[in-house]
Amino acid sequence: MGKISFHIYNVIILVLLSAFNCLVLFAFGIGEGGMTLSDWFPIVFSFIIWGIFYAVQFMKSSKRWRVLWFIAMVVLLYFWLTGLGSLIGYKLFR
């Protein structure tokens, strides 16, 4: 697994992240309540988390480093998108 495969894996995660966030935005769009800052927080910050982990993966050329940070990114984004992000956004902005 070289650099190209890690770029491909990261782009796949970005596409999945974008698709999930588009579904969330669509759900808020068909609702009557509108979106507040606490609703935007998990959506925007998920892309920031992805970008930070993407940059960290390529700071060193070790494959072990990349695999470790890729797995950490997937796990953190999973927990972030399944409720941790909205919980933090609710606590910060309400």
N, C-alpha and C. Protein backbone atom coordinates (compact mmCIF):
# COMPACT_ATOMS: atom_id res chain seq x y z
N MET A 1 0.84 -1.17 0.00
CA MET A 1 0.00 0.00 0.00
C MET A 1 0.88 1.23 0.00
N GLY A 2 0.82 1.95 -1.07
CA GLY A 2 1.63 3.14 -1.17
C GLY A 2 0.83 4.40 -0.90
N LYS A 3 1.44 5.52 -1.24
CA LYS A 3 0.78 6.80 -1.02
C LYS A 3 -0.50 6.91 -1.84
N ILE A 4 -0.50 6.38 -3.05
CA ILE A 4 -1.66 6.51 -3.92
C ILE A 4 -2.86 5.79 -3.32
N SER A 5 -2.64 4.61 -2.76
CA SER A 5 -3.77 3.88 -2.17
C SER A 5 -4.34 4.62 -0.97
N PHE A 6 -3.48 5.24 -0.16
CA PHE A 6 -4.00 6.00 0.97
C PHE A 6 -4.76 7.23 0.51
N HIS A 7 -4.32 7.86 -0.57
CA HIS A 7 -5.08 8.98 -1.12
C HIS A 7 -6.46 8.51 -1.58
N ILE A 8 -6.50 7.36 -2.25
CA ILE A 8 -7.78 6.81 -2.72
C ILE A 8 -8.69 6.50 -1.54
N TYR A 9 -8.17 5.85 -0.50
CA TYR A 9 -8.98 5.53 0.68
C TYR A 9 -9.52 6.80 1.33
N ASN A 10 -8.69 7.82 1.43
CA ASN A 10 -9.13 9.08 2.04
C ASN A 10 -10.20 9.77 1.19
N VAL A 11 -10.07 9.70 -0.12
CA VAL A 11 -11.08 10.29 -0.99
C VAL A 11 -12.39 9.53 -0.87
N ILE A 12 -12.33 8.22 -0.73
CA ILE A 12 -13.55 7.42 -0.53
C ILE A 12 -14.23 7.83 0.77
N ILE A 13 -13.46 8.01 1.84
CA ILE A 13 -14.03 8.46 3.11
C ILE A 13 -14.64 9.84 2.95
N LEU A 14 -13.98 10.73 2.20
CA LEU A 14 -14.51 12.07 1.97
C LEU A 14 -15.83 12.02 1.20
N VAL A 15 -15.93 11.16 0.20
CA VAL A 15 -17.17 11.03 -0.57
C VAL A 15 -18.29 10.50 0.33
N LEU A 16 -17.99 9.48 1.15
CA LEU A 16 -19.00 8.97 2.08
C LEU A 16 -19.42 10.03 3.10
N LEU A 17 -18.46 10.78 3.59
CA LEU A 17 -18.73 11.86 4.53
C LEU A 17 -19.62 12.93 3.89
N SER A 18 -19.32 13.28 2.66
CA SER A 18 -20.12 14.28 1.95
C SER A 18 -21.53 13.78 1.70
N ALA A 19 -21.67 12.52 1.32
CA ALA A 19 -23.00 11.95 1.07
C ALA A 19 -23.83 11.93 2.35
N PHE A 20 -23.23 11.51 3.45
CA PHE A 20 -23.96 11.48 4.71
C PHE A 20 -24.37 12.88 5.14
N ASN A 21 -23.46 13.84 5.02
CA ASN A 21 -23.78 15.21 5.41
C ASN A 21 -24.83 15.83 4.50
N CYS A 22 -24.84 15.46 3.23
CA CYS A 22 -25.90 15.94 2.32
C CYS A 22 -27.26 15.38 2.73
N LEU A 23 -27.29 14.12 3.18
CA LEU A 23 -28.55 13.56 3.67
C LEU A 23 -29.03 14.28 4.93
N VAL A 24 -28.10 14.64 5.79
CA VAL A 24 -28.46 15.38 7.00
C VAL A 24 -29.00 16.76 6.63
N LEU A 25 -28.34 17.43 5.69
CA LEU A 25 -28.82 18.74 5.25
C LEU A 25 -30.20 18.64 4.59
N PHE A 26 -30.41 17.58 3.83
CA PHE A 26 -31.71 17.36 3.21
C PHE A 26 -32.79 17.15 4.27
N ALA A 27 -32.47 16.40 5.30
CA ALA A 27 -33.43 16.16 6.38
C ALA A 27 -33.77 17.46 7.10
N PHE A 28 -32.78 18.31 7.32
CA PHE A 28 -33.07 19.60 7.94
C PHE A 28 -33.86 20.49 6.99
N GLY A 29 -33.63 20.34 5.70
CA GLY A 29 -34.33 21.15 4.71
C GLY A 29 -35.81 20.84 4.62
N ILE A 30 -36.18 19.58 4.80
CA ILE A 30 -37.59 19.25 4.70
C ILE A 30 -38.31 19.42 6.04
N GLY A 31 -37.56 19.67 7.09
CA GLY A 31 -38.16 19.91 8.40
C GLY A 31 -38.63 21.35 8.51
N GLU A 32 -39.39 21.62 9.52
CA GLU A 32 -39.96 22.96 9.69
C GLU A 32 -39.13 23.86 10.59
N GLY A 33 -38.22 23.29 11.35
CA GLY A 33 -37.54 24.06 12.38
C GLY A 33 -36.42 24.96 11.89
N GLY A 34 -35.83 24.68 10.76
CA GLY A 34 -34.67 25.44 10.32
C GLY A 34 -33.40 24.92 10.97
N MET A 35 -32.28 25.54 10.63
CA MET A 35 -30.99 25.09 11.17
C MET A 35 -30.37 26.18 12.02
N THR A 36 -29.91 25.79 13.18
CA THR A 36 -29.21 26.71 14.07
C THR A 36 -27.71 26.44 13.99
N LEU A 37 -26.96 27.23 14.73
CA LEU A 37 -25.51 27.05 14.74
C LEU A 37 -25.12 25.69 15.31
N SER A 38 -25.87 25.22 16.29
CA SER A 38 -25.55 23.91 16.86
C SER A 38 -25.84 22.78 15.88
N ASP A 39 -26.67 23.02 14.88
CA ASP A 39 -26.93 22.02 13.84
C ASP A 39 -25.83 22.02 12.78
N TRP A 40 -25.27 23.18 12.49
CA TRP A 40 -24.20 23.28 11.51
C TRP A 40 -22.87 22.78 12.04
N PHE A 41 -22.66 22.87 13.35
CA PHE A 41 -21.38 22.53 13.96
C PHE A 41 -20.89 21.13 13.62
N PRO A 42 -21.68 20.06 13.81
CA PRO A 42 -21.16 18.72 13.50
C PRO A 42 -20.89 18.51 12.02
N ILE A 43 -21.66 19.17 11.17
CA ILE A 43 -21.48 19.00 9.73
C ILE A 43 -20.18 19.63 9.28
N VAL A 44 -19.96 20.86 9.66
CA VAL A 44 -18.75 21.58 9.24
C VAL A 44 -17.50 20.99 9.90
N PHE A 45 -17.61 20.70 11.18
CA PHE A 45 -16.44 20.22 11.90
C PHE A 45 -16.02 18.82 11.45
N SER A 46 -16.95 18.03 10.89
CA SER A 46 -16.57 16.71 10.39
C SER A 46 -15.58 16.84 9.23
N PHE A 47 -15.76 17.86 8.38
CA PHE A 47 -14.80 18.08 7.29
C PHE A 47 -13.47 18.60 7.82
N ILE A 48 -13.51 19.39 8.87
CA ILE A 48 -12.27 19.87 9.48
C ILE A 48 -11.49 18.70 10.09
N ILE A 49 -12.21 17.80 10.76
CA ILE A 49 -11.57 16.60 11.33
C ILE A 49 -10.93 15.77 10.23
N TRP A 50 -11.66 15.57 9.13
CA TRP A 50 -11.12 14.79 8.01
C TRP A 50 -9.85 15.45 7.47
N GLY A 51 -9.86 16.75 7.29
CA GLY A 51 -8.70 17.46 6.76
C GLY A 51 -7.49 17.37 7.67
N ILE A 52 -7.70 17.47 8.98
CA ILE A 52 -6.60 17.37 9.93
C ILE A 52 -5.98 15.98 9.87
N PHE A 53 -6.82 14.95 9.90
CA PHE A 53 -6.29 13.59 9.85
C PHE A 53 -5.64 13.28 8.51
N TYR A 54 -6.17 13.85 7.44
CA TYR A 54 -5.57 13.64 6.11
C TYR A 54 -4.16 14.22 6.08
N ALA A 55 -3.99 15.40 6.65
CA ALA A 55 -2.66 16.02 6.68
C ALA A 55 -1.70 15.25 7.59
N VAL A 56 -2.20 14.78 8.73
CA VAL A 56 -1.34 14.07 9.69
C VAL A 56 -0.85 12.75 9.10
N GLN A 57 -1.67 12.10 8.29
CA GLN A 57 -1.28 10.82 7.72
C GLN A 57 -0.03 10.92 6.84
N PHE A 58 0.18 12.05 6.23
CA PHE A 58 1.30 12.18 5.30
C PHE A 58 2.45 13.00 5.87
N MET A 59 2.47 13.20 7.19
CA MET A 59 3.59 13.89 7.80
C MET A 59 4.83 13.01 7.85
N LYS A 60 4.64 11.70 7.99
CA LYS A 60 5.75 10.75 8.00
C LYS A 60 5.51 9.73 6.90
N SER A 61 6.57 9.11 6.44
CA SER A 61 6.44 8.17 5.31
C SER A 61 6.23 6.73 5.75
N SER A 62 6.08 6.48 7.03
CA SER A 62 5.89 5.12 7.53
C SER A 62 4.47 4.63 7.24
N LYS A 63 4.37 3.41 6.74
CA LYS A 63 3.05 2.84 6.47
C LYS A 63 2.30 2.59 7.76
N ARG A 64 3.01 2.19 8.79
CA ARG A 64 2.36 1.96 10.08
C ARG A 64 1.71 3.24 10.59
N TRP A 65 2.40 4.38 10.43
CA TRP A 65 1.88 5.69 10.83
C TRP A 65 0.60 5.99 10.08
N ARG A 66 0.61 5.78 8.77
CA ARG A 66 -0.58 6.07 7.96
C ARG A 66 -1.75 5.19 8.32
N VAL A 67 -1.49 3.90 8.49
CA VAL A 67 -2.58 2.98 8.84
C VAL A 67 -3.18 3.34 10.19
N LEU A 68 -2.33 3.63 11.17
CA LEU A 68 -2.80 3.98 12.50
C LEU A 68 -3.68 5.23 12.46
N TRP A 69 -3.23 6.26 11.78
CA TRP A 69 -3.99 7.50 11.73
C TRP A 69 -5.23 7.37 10.85
N PHE A 70 -5.19 6.52 9.83
CA PHE A 70 -6.37 6.29 9.01
C PHE A 70 -7.46 5.59 9.84
N ILE A 71 -7.07 4.58 10.60
CA ILE A 71 -8.03 3.88 11.45
C ILE A 71 -8.58 4.82 12.53
N ALA A 72 -7.71 5.64 13.11
CA ALA A 72 -8.16 6.61 14.12
C ALA A 72 -9.15 7.59 13.50
N MET A 73 -8.91 8.02 12.26
CA MET A 73 -9.81 8.94 11.59
C MET A 73 -11.18 8.31 11.36
N VAL A 74 -11.19 7.07 10.89
CA VAL A 74 -12.45 6.39 10.61
C VAL A 74 -13.25 6.20 11.91
N VAL A 75 -12.59 5.79 12.97
CA VAL A 75 -13.28 5.57 14.24
C VAL A 75 -13.82 6.89 14.80
N LEU A 76 -12.99 7.94 14.80
CA LEU A 76 -13.43 9.23 15.32
C LEU A 76 -14.58 9.80 14.49
N LEU A 77 -14.49 9.72 13.17
CA LEU A 77 -15.58 10.23 12.34
C LEU A 77 -16.86 9.42 12.53
N TYR A 78 -16.73 8.12 12.75
CA TYR A 78 -17.92 7.30 13.00
C TYR A 78 -18.63 7.77 14.27
N PHE A 79 -17.87 7.92 15.36
CA PHE A 79 -18.49 8.37 16.60
C PHE A 79 -18.98 9.81 16.49
N TRP A 80 -18.25 10.64 15.75
CA TRP A 80 -18.64 12.04 15.58
C TRP A 80 -19.97 12.14 14.84
N LEU A 81 -20.12 11.36 13.79
CA LEU A 81 -21.34 11.46 12.98
C LEU A 81 -22.52 10.70 13.57
N THR A 82 -22.29 9.80 14.50
CA THR A 82 -23.40 9.06 15.08
C THR A 82 -23.89 9.65 16.39
N GLY A 83 -23.50 10.86 16.72
CA GLY A 83 -24.08 11.51 17.87
C GLY A 83 -23.15 12.36 18.70
N LEU A 84 -21.87 12.08 18.68
CA LEU A 84 -20.95 12.86 19.50
C LEU A 84 -20.88 14.31 19.03
N GLY A 85 -20.89 14.53 17.72
CA GLY A 85 -20.82 15.89 17.19
C GLY A 85 -22.04 16.71 17.54
N SER A 86 -23.21 16.13 17.43
CA SER A 86 -24.41 16.89 17.77
C SER A 86 -24.50 17.14 19.27
N LEU A 87 -24.01 16.19 20.07
CA LEU A 87 -24.00 16.39 21.52
C LEU A 87 -23.09 17.55 21.90
N ILE A 88 -21.90 17.61 21.32
CA ILE A 88 -20.97 18.71 21.61
C ILE A 88 -21.51 20.03 21.09
N GLY A 89 -22.08 20.01 19.87
CA GLY A 89 -22.66 21.23 19.32
C GLY A 89 -23.81 21.73 20.16
N TYR A 90 -24.63 20.83 20.68
CA TYR A 90 -25.74 21.23 21.54
C TYR A 90 -25.24 21.85 22.83
N LYS A 91 -24.18 21.24 23.41
CA LYS A 91 -23.64 21.75 24.67
C LYS A 91 -22.97 23.13 24.48
N LEU A 92 -22.33 23.34 23.33
CA LEU A 92 -21.61 24.59 23.10
C LEU A 92 -22.52 25.76 22.74
N PHE A 93 -23.55 25.51 21.95
CA PHE A 93 -24.31 26.61 21.36
C PHE A 93 -25.73 26.76 21.88
N ARG A 94 -26.11 26.04 22.90
CA ARG A 94 -27.47 26.23 23.44
C ARG A 94 -27.42 26.57 24.89
